[in-house]
Amino acid sequence: MAEKMLKWHAEAIGRCVELTAPQEVLKHTFTLLEVLAEVIGTSYLEVALETSTTALANADQQTQPPLQPLQVLRSVDLICHLWQQYVTDAIFPLASTSVTMDEIDSADPRFYDILNGHLAKLREDHQTLTKRLIRLEELHDESVARGAAVREGLKNNLDKIQRLRAELKAEVATANEISSTLDKLREARTEVHQIIIRELSNGVECKLCLDIYVLPYRCANSSRTTTPAFGGSPVVIAWIATTYGVDLA
């Protein structure tokens, strides 16, 4: 598009040279250059830079910055160089050696101010877009670093939870084993209680049965997370192990 604009401008300059008096060529050339600067500088390059700057301002800082603003910067740079080369190769040769600064100023005294204003605005927009790109890249790097720190913290917490879960599972298994042992001892106590009643009704002393009867109470008063101190005579322990499959040794 910029090449077409410069081509149209060159054709307009050619028609100006052909159709106007030599003393009016300079004035009309400056007028056409002012139009070119307004179209390319303000309506084309500045709009592209401002649009890219706005897009960067609204971009998500948590993601990687878009690459399109870099393409815009490259295109603006190429167009500016092409514009400069066009003025050097096509416009300057039209000026004769007899042209003075007074004649240039009299042709359009505002031309240089307008041209310098366009160039200054383009330079400012270019710098603003570049700084915003750099800042957005820095914010993205900071976001990536924070994300890595959060992931590391979550991983440590997950490892800790897994260790606690394993410990809790082991404690539950121990408690279930102890509870199962106590249930079997209660069954033994119930059977022994019946034996004691039957033997006492016959007038027989049964110290062995009394040892078996009080054994579950000792187990109930023991810690449920450790192996209970069962106590009792070896004969009682051997009898329970043989009858109920509970190893109290």
C-alpha atoms as a PDB file:
ATOM      1  CA  MET A   1       0.000   0.000   0.000  1.00  0.00           C
ATOM      2  CA  ALA A   2       2.811   2.434   0.849  1.00  0.00           C
ATOM      3  CA  GLU A   3       4.487   1.661  -2.470  1.00  0.00           C
ATOM      4  CA  LYS A   4       1.247   2.504  -4.299  1.00  0.00           C
ATOM      5  CA  MET A   5       0.999   5.800  -2.400  1.00  0.00           C
ATOM      6  CA  LEU A   6       4.554   6.748  -3.371  1.00  0.00           C
ATOM      7  CA  LYS A   7       3.883   5.714  -6.970  1.00  0.00           C
ATOM      8  CA  TRP A   8       0.772   7.910  -7.115  1.00  0.00           C
ATOM      9  CA  HIS A   9       2.709  10.775  -5.563  1.00  0.00           C
ATOM     10  CA  ALA A  10       5.497  10.413  -8.132  1.00  0.00           C
ATOM     11  CA  GLU A  11       2.927  10.533 -10.935  1.00  0.00           C
ATOM     12  CA  ALA A  12       1.419  13.686  -9.404  1.00  0.00           C
ATOM     13  CA  ILE A  13       4.858  15.309  -9.199  1.00  0.00           C
ATOM     14  CA  GLY A  14       5.465  14.426 -12.857  1.00  0.00           C
ATOM     15  CA  ARG A  15       2.191  15.997 -13.920  1.00  0.00           C
ATOM     16  CA  CYS A  16       3.029  19.071 -11.817  1.00  0.00           C
ATOM     17  CA  VAL A  17       6.364  19.482 -13.587  1.00  0.00           C
ATOM     18  CA  GLU A  18       4.709  19.090 -16.993  1.00  0.00           C
ATOM     19  CA  LEU A  19       1.713  21.360 -16.462  1.00  0.00           C
ATOM     20  CA  THR A  20       2.955  24.211 -14.247  1.00  0.00           C
ATOM     21  CA  ALA A  21       5.450  26.976 -14.760  1.00  0.00           C
ATOM     22  CA  PRO A  22       9.006  26.278 -13.566  1.00  0.00           C
ATOM     23  CA  GLN A  23       8.779  28.922 -10.851  1.00  0.00           C
ATOM     24  CA  GLU A  24       5.663  27.221  -9.432  1.00  0.00           C
ATOM     25  CA  VAL A  25       7.093  23.683  -9.363  1.00  0.00           C
ATOM     26  CA  LEU A  26       8.734  24.135  -5.976  1.00  0.00           C
ATOM     27  CA  LYS A  27       5.560  25.382  -4.329  1.00  0.00           C
ATOM     28  CA  HIS A  28       3.374  22.618  -5.742  1.00  0.00           C
ATOM     29  CA  THR A  29       6.001  19.992  -4.881  1.00  0.00           C
ATOM     30  CA  PHE A  30       5.993  21.099  -1.244  1.00  0.00           C
ATOM     31  CA  THR A  31       2.197  20.980  -1.230  1.00  0.00           C
ATOM     32  CA  LEU A  32       2.191  17.436  -2.582  1.00  0.00           C
ATOM     33  CA  LEU A  33       4.859  16.427  -0.045  1.00  0.00           C
ATOM     34  CA  GLU A  34       2.685  17.825   2.725  1.00  0.00           C
ATOM     35  CA  VAL A  35      -0.230  15.736   1.476  1.00  0.00           C
ATOM     36  CA  LEU A  36       2.008  12.651   1.312  1.00  0.00           C
ATOM     37  CA  ALA A  37       3.258  13.245   4.858  1.00  0.00           C
ATOM     38  CA  GLU A  38      -0.307  13.625   6.111  1.00  0.00           C
ATOM     39  CA  VAL A  39      -1.507  10.451   4.399  1.00  0.00           C
ATOM     40  CA  ILE A  40       1.449   8.157   5.123  1.00  0.00           C
ATOM     41  CA  GLY A  41       2.493   9.655   8.447  1.00  0.00           C
ATOM     42  CA  THR A  42      -0.817  10.430  10.155  1.00  0.00           C
ATOM     43  CA  SER A  43      -3.420   8.269   8.446  1.00  0.00           C
ATOM     44  CA  TYR A  44      -1.270   5.176   7.922  1.00  0.00           C
ATOM     45  CA  LEU A  45       1.823   4.790  10.103  1.00  0.00           C
ATOM     46  CA  GLU A  46       0.561   6.575  13.225  1.00  0.00           C
ATOM     47  CA  VAL A  47      -2.742   4.701  13.132  1.00  0.00           C
ATOM     48  CA  ALA A  48      -0.893   1.366  12.807  1.00  0.00           C
ATOM     49  CA  LEU A  49       1.381   2.180  15.766  1.00  0.00           C
ATOM     50  CA  GLU A  50      -1.471   3.424  17.958  1.00  0.00           C
ATOM     51  CA  THR A  51      -3.574   0.363  17.141  1.00  0.00           C
ATOM     52  CA  SER A  52      -0.717  -1.979  18.074  1.00  0.00           C
ATOM     53  CA  THR A  53      -0.089  -0.034  21.296  1.00  0.00           C
ATOM     54  CA  THR A  54      -3.762  -0.328  22.263  1.00  0.00           C
ATOM     55  CA  ALA A  55      -3.747  -4.056  21.487  1.00  0.00           C
ATOM     56  CA  LEU A  56      -0.718  -4.534  23.729  1.00  0.00           C
ATOM     57  CA  ALA A  57      -2.341  -2.526  26.519  1.00  0.00           C
ATOM     58  CA  ASN A  58      -5.344  -4.883  26.423  1.00  0.00           C
ATOM     59  CA  ALA A  59      -3.279  -8.066  26.056  1.00  0.00           C
ATOM     60  CA  ASP A  60      -3.302 -10.746  28.746  1.00  0.00           C
ATOM     61  CA  GLN A  61      -0.223 -10.309  30.901  1.00  0.00           C
ATOM     62  CA  GLN A  62      -0.272 -13.975  31.922  1.00  0.00           C
ATOM     63  CA  THR A  63       0.412 -15.198  28.400  1.00  0.00           C
ATOM     64  CA  GLN A  64       3.297 -14.689  26.027  1.00  0.00           C
ATOM     65  CA  PRO A  65       3.181 -11.295  24.249  1.00  0.00           C
ATOM     66  CA  PRO A  66       1.831 -11.363  20.662  1.00  0.00           C
ATOM     67  CA  LEU A  67       4.315 -11.085  17.818  1.00  0.00           C
ATOM     68  CA  GLN A  68       2.164  -8.961  15.518  1.00  0.00           C
ATOM     69  CA  PRO A  69       3.338  -5.614  17.031  1.00  0.00           C
ATOM     70  CA  LEU A  70       6.878  -6.577  16.034  1.00  0.00           C
ATOM     71  CA  GLN A  71       5.698  -7.058  12.457  1.00  0.00           C
ATOM     72  CA  VAL A  72       4.055  -3.620  12.608  1.00  0.00           C
ATOM     73  CA  LEU A  73       7.309  -2.077  13.844  1.00  0.00           C
ATOM     74  CA  ARG A  74       9.229  -3.738  11.035  1.00  0.00           C
ATOM     75  CA  SER A  75       6.715  -2.536   8.433  1.00  0.00           C
ATOM     76  CA  VAL A  76       6.815   1.026   9.786  1.00  0.00           C
ATOM     77  CA  ASP A  77      10.605   1.005   9.692  1.00  0.00           C
ATOM     78  CA  LEU A  78      10.660  -0.266   6.098  1.00  0.00           C
ATOM     79  CA  ILE A  79       8.087   2.319   4.977  1.00  0.00           C
ATOM     80  CA  CYS A  80      10.053   5.150   6.591  1.00  0.00           C
ATOM     81  CA  HIS A  81      13.237   4.028   4.822  1.00  0.00           C
ATOM     82  CA  LEU A  82      11.336   3.721   1.536  1.00  0.00           C
ATOM     83  CA  TRP A  83       9.878   7.177   2.041  1.00  0.00           C
ATOM     84  CA  GLN A  84      13.321   8.629   2.723  1.00  0.00           C
ATOM     85  CA  GLN A  85      14.793   6.930  -0.349  1.00  0.00           C
ATOM     86  CA  TYR A  86      11.916   8.216  -2.488  1.00  0.00           C
ATOM     87  CA  VAL A  87      12.462  11.814  -1.381  1.00  0.00           C
ATOM     88  CA  THR A  88      16.208  11.510  -1.970  1.00  0.00           C
ATOM     89  CA  ASP A  89      15.942   9.902  -5.413  1.00  0.00           C
ATOM     90  CA  ALA A  90      12.811  11.527  -6.859  1.00  0.00           C
ATOM     91  CA  ILE A  91      12.207  14.866  -5.142  1.00  0.00           C
ATOM     92  CA  PHE A  92      15.613  16.371  -4.476  1.00  0.00           C
ATOM     93  CA  PRO A  93      16.754  16.135  -8.151  1.00  0.00           C
ATOM     94  CA  LEU A  94      13.877  18.468  -9.078  1.00  0.00           C
ATOM     95  CA  ALA A  95      15.448  21.296  -7.093  1.00  0.00           C
ATOM     96  CA  SER A  96      17.837  23.363  -9.200  1.00  0.00           C
ATOM     97  CA  THR A  97      21.077  24.689  -7.828  1.00  0.00           C
ATOM     98  CA  SER A  98      19.656  28.196  -7.895  1.00  0.00           C
ATOM     99  CA  VAL A  99      16.998  27.426  -5.276  1.00  0.00           C
ATOM    100  CA  THR A 100      17.658  29.314  -2.043  1.00  0.00           C
ATOM    101  CA  MET A 101      16.372  28.751   1.483  1.00  0.00           C
ATOM    102  CA  ASP A 102      14.295  31.916   1.194  1.00  0.00           C
ATOM    103  CA  GLU A 103      12.514  30.477  -1.828  1.00  0.00           C
ATOM    104  CA  ILE A 104      11.885  27.229   0.014  1.00  0.00           C
ATOM    105  CA  ASP A 105      10.532  29.091   3.036  1.00  0.00           C
ATOM    106  CA  SER A 106       8.382  31.314   0.866  1.00  0.00           C
ATOM    107  CA  ALA A 107       6.944  28.291  -0.887  1.00  0.00           C
ATOM    108  CA  ASP A 108       5.502  26.935   2.367  1.00  0.00           C
ATOM    109  CA  PRO A 109       6.970  28.163   5.668  1.00  0.00           C
ATOM    110  CA  ARG A 110       5.054  25.502   7.635  1.00  0.00           C
ATOM    111  CA  PHE A 111       6.330  22.566   5.624  1.00  0.00           C
ATOM    112  CA  TYR A 112       9.356  21.778   7.777  1.00  0.00           C
ATOM    113  CA  ASP A 113       7.363  22.140  10.978  1.00  0.00           C
ATOM    114  CA  ILE A 114       4.704  19.797   9.664  1.00  0.00           C
ATOM    115  CA  LEU A 115       7.259  17.266   8.420  1.00  0.00           C
ATOM    116  CA  ASN A 116       9.256  17.384  11.666  1.00  0.00           C
ATOM    117  CA  GLY A 117       6.024  17.015  13.618  1.00  0.00           C
ATOM    118  CA  HIS A 118       5.114  13.878  11.694  1.00  0.00           C
ATOM    119  CA  LEU A 119       8.580  12.411  12.175  1.00  0.00           C
ATOM    120  CA  ALA A 120       8.596  13.240  15.898  1.00  0.00           C
ATOM    121  CA  LYS A 121       5.169  11.650  16.371  1.00  0.00           C
ATOM    122  CA  LEU A 122       6.234   8.519  14.511  1.00  0.00           C
ATOM    123  CA  ARG A 123       9.397   8.284  16.602  1.00  0.00           C
ATOM    124  CA  GLU A 124       7.423   8.720  19.825  1.00  0.00           C
ATOM    125  CA  ASP A 125       4.851   6.078  18.872  1.00  0.00           C
ATOM    126  CA  HIS A 126       7.640   3.712  17.841  1.00  0.00           C
ATOM    127  CA  GLN A 127       9.389   4.112  21.207  1.00  0.00           C
ATOM    128  CA  THR A 128       6.130   3.746  23.141  1.00  0.00           C
ATOM    129  CA  LEU A 129       5.264   0.520  21.349  1.00  0.00           C
ATOM    130  CA  THR A 130       8.770  -0.865  21.866  1.00  0.00           C
ATOM    131  CA  LYS A 131       8.732  -0.051  25.606  1.00  0.00           C
ATOM    132  CA  ARG A 132       5.304  -1.609  26.011  1.00  0.00           C
ATOM    133  CA  LEU A 133       6.487  -4.770  24.283  1.00  0.00           C
ATOM    134  CA  ILE A 134       9.509  -4.988  26.584  1.00  0.00           C
ATOM    135  CA  ARG A 135       7.364  -4.379  29.670  1.00  0.00           C
ATOM    136  CA  LEU A 136       4.837  -6.992  28.600  1.00  0.00           C
ATOM    137  CA  GLU A 137       7.645  -9.504  28.099  1.00  0.00           C
ATOM    138  CA  GLU A 138       8.956  -8.727  31.606  1.00  0.00           C
ATOM    139  CA  LEU A 139       5.485  -9.207  33.100  1.00  0.00           C
ATOM    140  CA  HIS A 140       5.166 -12.521  31.271  1.00  0.00           C
ATOM    141  CA  ASP A 141       8.520 -13.688  32.668  1.00  0.00           C
ATOM    142  CA  GLU A 142       7.459 -12.668  36.180  1.00  0.00           C
ATOM    143  CA  SER A 143       4.180 -14.531  35.761  1.00  0.00           C
ATOM    144  CA  VAL A 144       6.022 -17.662  34.611  1.00  0.00           C
ATOM    145  CA  ALA A 145       8.348 -17.449  37.635  1.00  0.00           C
ATOM    146  CA  ARG A 146       5.406 -17.067  40.033  1.00  0.00           C
ATOM    147  CA  GLY A 147       3.649 -19.996  38.374  1.00  0.00           C
ATOM    148  CA  ALA A 148       6.736 -22.176  38.826  1.00  0.00           C
ATOM    149  CA  ALA A 149       6.919 -21.213  42.521  1.00  0.00           C
ATOM    150  CA  VAL A 150       3.226 -22.027  43.008  1.00  0.00           C
ATOM    151  CA  ARG A 151       3.626 -25.400  41.275  1.00  0.00           C
ATOM    152  CA  GLU A 152       6.607 -26.221  43.493  1.00  0.00           C
ATOM    153  CA  GLY A 153       4.619 -25.314  46.607  1.00  0.00           C
ATOM    154  CA  LEU A 154       1.652 -27.414  45.488  1.00  0.00           C
ATOM    155  CA  LYS A 155       3.965 -30.340  44.785  1.00  0.00           C
ATOM    156  CA  ASN A 156       5.462 -30.112  48.293  1.00  0.00           C
ATOM    157  CA  ASN A 157       1.993 -29.933  49.859  1.00  0.00           C
ATOM    158  CA  LEU A 158       0.861 -32.937  47.809  1.00  0.00           C
ATOM    159  CA  ASP A 159       3.884 -34.956  48.965  1.00  0.00           C
ATOM    160  CA  LYS A 160       3.124 -34.014  52.572  1.00  0.00           C
ATOM    161  CA  ILE A 161      -0.533 -35.026  52.178  1.00  0.00           C
ATOM    162  CA  GLN A 162       0.486 -38.367  50.674  1.00  0.00           C
ATOM    163  CA  ARG A 163       2.842 -39.036  53.607  1.00  0.00           C
ATOM    164  CA  LEU A 164       0.123 -38.162  56.122  1.00  0.00           C
ATOM    165  CA  ARG A 165      -2.338 -40.379  54.261  1.00  0.00           C
ATOM    166  CA  ALA A 166       0.108 -43.300  54.356  1.00  0.00           C
ATOM    167  CA  GLU A 167       0.678 -42.792  58.105  1.00  0.00           C
ATOM    168  CA  LEU A 168      -3.068 -42.578  58.730  1.00  0.00           C
ATOM    169  CA  LYS A 169      -3.651 -45.734  56.699  1.00  0.00           C
ATOM    170  CA  ALA A 170      -1.042 -47.586  58.764  1.00  0.00           C
ATOM    171  CA  GLU A 171      -2.623 -46.367  62.017  1.00  0.00           C
ATOM    172  CA  VAL A 172      -6.088 -47.413  60.829  1.00  0.00           C
ATOM    173  CA  ALA A 173      -4.762 -50.866  59.934  1.00  0.00           C
ATOM    174  CA  THR A 174      -3.194 -51.191  63.399  1.00  0.00           C
ATOM    175  CA  ALA A 175      -6.397 -50.022  65.070  1.00  0.00           C
ATOM    176  CA  ASN A 176      -8.459 -52.508  63.045  1.00  0.00           C
ATOM    177  CA  GLU A 177      -6.096 -55.315  63.998  1.00  0.00           C
ATOM    178  CA  ILE A 178      -6.339 -54.403  67.679  1.00  0.00           C
ATOM    179  CA  SER A 179     -10.131 -54.093  67.426  1.00  0.00           C
ATOM    180  CA  SER A 180     -10.328 -57.531  65.815  1.00  0.00           C
ATOM    181  CA  THR A 181      -8.184 -58.984  68.608  1.00  0.00           C
ATOM    182  CA  LEU A 182     -10.393 -57.399  71.270  1.00  0.00           C
ATOM    183  CA  ASP A 183     -13.517 -58.787  69.606  1.00  0.00           C
ATOM    184  CA  LYS A 184     -12.044 -62.291  69.722  1.00  0.00           C
ATOM    185  CA  LEU A 185     -11.080 -61.791  73.360  1.00  0.00           C
ATOM    186  CA  ARG A 186     -14.623 -60.698  74.187  1.00  0.00           C
ATOM    187  CA  GLU A 187     -15.887 -63.881  72.568  1.00  0.00           C
ATOM    188  CA  ALA A 188     -13.443 -65.829  74.707  1.00  0.00           C
ATOM    189  CA  ARG A 189     -14.602 -63.952  77.816  1.00  0.00           C
ATOM    190  CA  THR A 190     -18.221 -64.791  77.062  1.00  0.00           C
ATOM    191  CA  GLU A 191     -17.414 -68.475  76.684  1.00  0.00           C
ATOM    192  CA  VAL A 192     -15.241 -68.474  79.797  1.00  0.00           C
ATOM    193  CA  HIS A 193     -17.976 -66.701  81.739  1.00  0.00           C
ATOM    194  CA  GLN A 194     -20.319 -69.510  80.906  1.00  0.00           C
ATOM    195  CA  ILE A 195     -17.660 -72.050  81.911  1.00  0.00           C
ATOM    196  CA  ILE A 196     -17.081 -70.259  85.232  1.00  0.00           C
ATOM    197  CA  ILE A 197     -20.765 -70.222  86.039  1.00  0.00           C
ATOM    198  CA  ARG A 198     -21.047 -73.892  85.207  1.00  0.00           C
ATOM    199  CA  GLU A 199     -17.928 -74.852  87.199  1.00  0.00           C
ATOM    200  CA  LEU A 200     -18.835 -72.689  90.195  1.00  0.00           C
ATOM    201  CA  SER A 201     -22.268 -74.234  90.238  1.00  0.00           C
ATOM    202  CA  ASN A 202     -20.466 -77.549  90.625  1.00  0.00           C
ATOM    203  CA  GLY A 203     -18.258 -76.106  93.413  1.00  0.00           C
ATOM    204  CA  VAL A 204     -15.008 -76.272  91.391  1.00  0.00           C
ATOM    205  CA  GLU A 205     -12.284 -73.562  91.789  1.00  0.00           C
ATOM    206  CA  CYS A 206     -11.241 -72.305  88.371  1.00  0.00           C
ATOM    207  CA  LYS A 207      -8.380 -69.794  88.643  1.00  0.00           C
ATOM    208  CA  LEU A 208      -7.424 -70.479  85.022  1.00  0.00           C
ATOM    209  CA  CYS A 209     -10.894 -69.409  83.906  1.00  0.00           C
ATOM    210  CA  LEU A 210     -10.719 -66.282  86.062  1.00  0.00           C
ATOM    211  CA  ASP A 211      -7.448 -65.306  84.360  1.00  0.00           C
ATOM    212  CA  ILE A 212      -9.114 -65.676  80.975  1.00  0.00           C
ATOM    213  CA  TYR A 213     -12.165 -63.718  82.112  1.00  0.00           C
ATOM    214  CA  VAL A 214     -10.263 -60.624  83.270  1.00  0.00           C
ATOM    215  CA  LEU A 215      -7.898 -60.635  80.285  1.00  0.00           C
ATOM    216  CA  PRO A 216     -10.171 -58.556  77.947  1.00  0.00           C
ATOM    217  CA  TYR A 217     -10.468 -55.838  80.598  1.00  0.00           C
ATOM    218  CA  ARG A 218      -6.710 -55.488  80.596  1.00  0.00           C
ATOM    219  CA  CYS A 219      -6.781 -55.235  76.789  1.00  0.00           C
ATOM    220  CA  ALA A 220      -9.536 -52.598  76.871  1.00  0.00           C
ATOM    221  CA  ASN A 221      -7.409 -50.410  79.166  1.00  0.00           C
ATOM    222  CA  SER A 222      -4.394 -50.649  76.811  1.00  0.00           C
ATOM    223  CA  SER A 223      -3.536 -48.105  74.051  1.00  0.00           C
ATOM    224  CA  ARG A 224      -5.381 -48.832  70.789  1.00  0.00           C
ATOM    225  CA  THR A 225      -2.471 -47.629  68.703  1.00  0.00           C
ATOM    226  CA  THR A 226       0.105 -49.921  70.261  1.00  0.00           C
ATOM    227  CA  THR A 227       0.246 -53.617  71.037  1.00  0.00           C
ATOM    228  CA  PRO A 228      -1.601 -54.132  74.379  1.00  0.00           C
ATOM    229  CA  ALA A 229       0.224 -55.537  77.389  1.00  0.00           C
ATOM    230  CA  PHE A 230      -2.054 -58.535  77.796  1.00  0.00           C
ATOM    231  CA  GLY A 231      -0.358 -60.220  80.681  1.00  0.00           C
ATOM    232  CA  GLY A 232      -1.901 -63.355  82.064  1.00  0.00           C
ATOM    233  CA  SER A 233      -0.451 -66.764  82.617  1.00  0.00           C
ATOM    234  CA  PRO A 234       1.307 -68.591  79.755  1.00  0.00           C
ATOM    235  CA  VAL A 235      -1.317 -71.292  79.942  1.00  0.00           C
ATOM    236  CA  VAL A 236      -4.116 -68.767  79.327  1.00  0.00           C
ATOM    237  CA  ILE A 237      -2.240 -67.189  76.403  1.00  0.00           C
ATOM    238  CA  ALA A 238      -1.582 -70.589  74.842  1.00  0.00           C
ATOM    239  CA  TRP A 239      -5.226 -71.592  75.253  1.00  0.00           C
ATOM    240  CA  ILE A 240      -6.516 -68.432  73.554  1.00  0.00           C
ATOM    241  CA  ALA A 241      -3.988 -68.804  70.727  1.00  0.00           C
ATOM    242  CA  THR A 242      -5.064 -72.392  70.139  1.00  0.00           C
ATOM    243  CA  THR A 243      -8.808 -71.793  70.431  1.00  0.00           C
ATOM    244  CA  TYR A 244      -9.258 -68.396  68.703  1.00  0.00           C
ATOM    245  CA  GLY A 245      -6.102 -67.991  66.626  1.00  0.00           C
ATOM    246  CA  VAL A 246      -5.022 -64.849  68.538  1.00  0.00           C
ATOM    247  CA  ASP A 247      -1.294 -64.566  69.233  1.00  0.00           C
ATOM    248  CA  LEU A 248      -0.863 -62.690  72.550  1.00  0.00           C
ATOM    249  CA  ALA A 249       2.781 -63.584  73.094  1.00  0.00           C
END
